[in-house]
């Protein structure tokens, strides 16, 4: 009986040592990130806020890096092409926008909240002076339905947040 108990205890101890004491990987952003993954494909629409007229917009969304990143490419193949990368960051979402202005604003969104809206807030900017230069400061994505997306970008210039570009997109069929 003692031998059997000792073998059982040894097997349990071996399993406990082999298994990690705790999962150090943070919980993923879950459903909110899945919404961005579902955008994969071609989108077309209009942008307002770049002056008095609406501009036609073409956007591609692609899931990459083993499903751990969504790449949004605005104006693909043009000299105005810009890229935005959205990734899980623990329980939150992170966004970096590679702007045609040559800077890279970084933003973060809470991983929980309204399923229909994801609001990314400014955390820093690369290759720009936040007190002088113009850069995108915040963006809110509104998931209207599976084929309709709205993105409201707010920019910052000379340290003042203001002005917005509103992009309304429909999935290209």
Protein backbone atom coordinates (compact mmCIF):
# COMPACT_ATOMS: atom_id res chain seq x y z
CA UNK A 1 0.00 0.00 0.00
CA UNK A 2 2.83 2.39 0.87
CA UNK A 3 4.58 1.62 -2.41
CA UNK A 4 1.44 2.33 -4.41
CA UNK A 5 0.89 5.61 -2.51
CA UNK A 6 4.54 6.62 -3.02
CA UNK A 7 4.36 5.89 -6.77
CA UNK A 8 1.12 7.88 -7.05
CA UNK A 9 2.62 10.79 -5.11
CA UNK A 10 5.78 10.69 -7.27
CA UNK A 11 3.71 10.70 -10.48
CA UNK A 12 1.65 13.63 -9.21
CA UNK A 13 4.79 15.55 -8.21
CA UNK A 14 6.37 14.89 -11.62
CA UNK A 15 3.23 16.20 -13.38
CA UNK A 16 3.19 19.29 -11.17
CA UNK A 17 6.83 20.09 -11.98
CA UNK A 18 6.31 19.51 -15.71
CA UNK A 19 3.21 21.72 -15.85
CA UNK A 20 3.82 25.47 -15.69
CA UNK A 21 3.07 27.00 -12.32
CA UNK A 22 0.97 29.67 -14.00
CA UNK A 23 0.14 30.71 -17.51
CA UNK A 24 2.20 33.88 -17.96
CA UNK A 25 0.56 34.78 -21.25
CA UNK A 26 -2.10 37.45 -20.66
CA UNK A 27 -5.68 36.77 -21.59
CA UNK A 28 -6.35 37.72 -25.23
CA UNK A 29 -8.55 40.64 -26.23
CA UNK A 30 -11.01 38.02 -27.44
CA UNK A 31 -14.17 38.98 -29.23
CA UNK A 32 -13.10 42.55 -29.96
CA UNK A 33 -10.03 41.35 -31.86
CA UNK A 34 -12.14 38.71 -33.62
CA UNK A 35 -14.31 41.55 -34.97
CA UNK A 36 -11.24 43.01 -36.68
CA UNK A 37 -10.26 39.61 -38.08
CA UNK A 38 -13.74 39.32 -39.64
CA UNK A 39 -12.98 42.46 -41.71
CA UNK A 40 -10.55 40.53 -43.95
CA UNK A 41 -11.14 41.50 -47.57
CA UNK A 42 -11.72 44.52 -49.78
CA UNK A 43 -13.71 47.57 -48.69
CA UNK A 44 -14.79 50.75 -50.51
CA UNK A 45 -16.39 53.95 -49.34
CA UNK A 46 -15.92 57.64 -48.73
CA UNK A 47 -13.91 59.88 -46.42
CA UNK A 48 -14.92 63.31 -45.22
CA UNK A 49 -12.79 65.80 -43.33
CA UNK A 50 -9.97 66.20 -45.88
CA UNK A 51 -11.44 69.48 -47.09
CA UNK A 52 -14.89 70.31 -48.40
CA UNK A 53 -15.34 67.25 -50.64
CA UNK A 54 -15.79 63.55 -50.01
CA UNK A 55 -12.97 61.35 -51.23
CA UNK A 56 -13.33 57.81 -52.51
CA UNK A 57 -11.53 55.30 -50.30
CA UNK A 58 -10.30 51.77 -50.97
CA UNK A 59 -9.19 49.72 -47.95
CA UNK A 60 -7.87 46.18 -47.62
CA UNK A 61 -7.93 44.21 -44.37
CA UNK A 62 -5.68 41.18 -43.99
CA UNK A 63 -5.16 38.78 -41.09
CA UNK A 64 -1.47 37.89 -40.75
CA UNK A 65 1.21 36.69 -38.31
CA UNK A 66 -0.55 33.43 -37.48
CA UNK A 67 -3.81 35.25 -36.76
CA UNK A 68 -2.19 37.61 -34.26
CA UNK A 69 -2.37 40.81 -36.33
CA UNK A 70 -4.82 42.58 -38.63
CA UNK A 71 -3.28 44.85 -41.25
CA UNK A 72 -5.46 47.62 -42.67
CA UNK A 73 -4.09 49.16 -45.87
CA UNK A 74 -5.67 52.42 -46.99
CA UNK A 75 -5.23 53.55 -50.61
CA UNK A 76 -3.26 50.38 -51.51
CA UNK A 77 -0.80 50.73 -54.38
CA UNK A 78 -0.89 54.54 -54.41
CA UNK A 79 1.57 57.17 -53.22
CA UNK A 80 -0.89 57.90 -50.39
CA UNK A 81 -0.86 54.31 -49.09
CA UNK A 82 -0.98 53.99 -45.30
CA UNK A 83 -0.95 50.94 -43.06
CA UNK A 84 -2.56 50.39 -39.67
CA UNK A 85 -1.71 47.28 -37.64
CA UNK A 86 -4.05 46.08 -34.88
CA UNK A 87 -2.92 43.40 -32.41
CA UNK A 88 -4.01 41.98 -29.08
CA UNK A 89 -2.01 43.41 -26.17
CA UNK A 90 -2.87 41.27 -23.20
CA UNK A 91 -6.55 41.89 -22.48
CA UNK A 92 -6.48 45.07 -24.60
CA UNK A 93 -5.91 45.96 -28.25
CA UNK A 94 -2.96 47.92 -29.62
CA UNK A 95 -2.85 49.91 -32.85
CA UNK A 96 0.02 51.51 -34.75
CA UNK A 97 -0.78 53.71 -37.75
CA UNK A 98 1.99 54.11 -40.34
CA UNK A 99 0.97 57.45 -41.78
CA UNK A 100 1.85 59.06 -45.10
CA UNK A 101 3.03 62.02 -42.97
CA UNK A 102 5.96 59.78 -41.96
CA UNK A 103 4.99 59.27 -38.32
CA UNK A 104 3.65 56.33 -36.35
CA UNK A 105 1.00 57.08 -33.72
CA UNK A 106 0.42 54.33 -31.17
CA UNK A 107 -2.98 53.81 -29.58
CA UNK A 108 -4.64 51.39 -27.20
CA UNK A 109 -8.25 50.22 -26.69
CA UNK A 110 -9.77 48.46 -23.74
CA UNK A 111 -10.34 44.80 -24.60
CA UNK A 112 -13.80 44.94 -23.07
CA UNK A 113 -16.72 47.20 -23.78
CA UNK A 114 -19.39 47.91 -26.35
CA UNK A 115 -19.22 45.20 -29.02
CA UNK A 116 -20.29 47.71 -31.67
CA UNK A 117 -17.51 50.24 -31.04
CA UNK A 118 -13.80 50.06 -30.34
CA UNK A 119 -12.18 53.35 -29.29
CA UNK A 120 -8.40 53.54 -29.56
CA UNK A 121 -6.77 56.28 -27.46
CA UNK A 122 -3.38 57.91 -28.01
CA UNK A 123 -0.40 56.53 -26.05
CA UNK A 124 2.53 57.94 -28.04
CA UNK A 125 3.88 58.79 -31.47
CA UNK A 126 7.04 57.75 -33.27
CA UNK A 127 9.02 60.00 -35.61
CA UNK A 128 7.12 63.16 -34.63
CA UNK A 129 7.20 65.94 -32.08
CA UNK A 130 3.87 65.65 -30.27
CA UNK A 131 3.96 69.38 -29.40
CA UNK A 132 4.49 70.61 -32.98
CA UNK A 133 3.73 68.04 -35.68
CA UNK A 134 0.44 66.75 -37.09
CA UNK A 135 -0.46 63.13 -36.45
CA UNK A 136 -3.49 60.93 -35.88
CA UNK A 137 -4.42 60.95 -32.21
CA UNK A 138 -7.44 58.66 -31.72
CA UNK A 139 -9.68 56.43 -33.80
CA UNK A 140 -13.05 54.85 -33.08
CA UNK A 141 -14.21 51.95 -35.23
CA UNK A 142 -17.97 51.37 -35.34
CA UNK A 143 -19.07 47.94 -36.56
CA UNK A 144 -22.44 48.88 -38.07
CA UNK A 145 -23.06 45.39 -39.48
CA UNK A 146 -20.92 42.65 -41.05
CA UNK A 147 -20.61 44.62 -44.30
CA UNK A 148 -20.51 48.21 -42.96
CA UNK A 149 -17.69 49.86 -41.00
CA UNK A 150 -17.18 53.44 -39.86
CA UNK A 151 -13.83 54.81 -38.67
CA UNK A 152 -13.57 58.24 -37.05
CA UNK A 153 -9.98 59.46 -36.89
CA UNK A 154 -9.10 62.52 -34.80
CA UNK A 155 -5.83 64.28 -35.46
CA UNK A 156 -3.54 66.43 -33.36
CA UNK A 157 -1.53 69.46 -34.52
CA UNK A 158 0.71 71.71 -32.45
CA UNK A 159 -0.33 69.84 -29.33
CA UNK A 160 -4.04 70.44 -29.88
CA UNK A 161 -6.49 67.63 -30.58
CA UNK A 162 -9.08 68.58 -33.16
CA UNK A 163 -10.37 67.91 -36.61
CA UNK A 164 -11.64 64.57 -37.71
CA UNK A 165 -11.68 62.34 -40.75
CA UNK A 166 -14.71 60.07 -41.00
CA UNK A 167 -14.40 57.03 -43.25
CA UNK A 168 -17.52 55.04 -44.09
CA UNK A 169 -16.87 51.67 -45.73
CA UNK A 170 -18.86 48.86 -47.30
CA UNK A 171 -17.48 45.39 -47.94
CA UNK A 172 -16.74 44.95 -51.65
CA UNK A 173 -18.80 42.06 -53.03
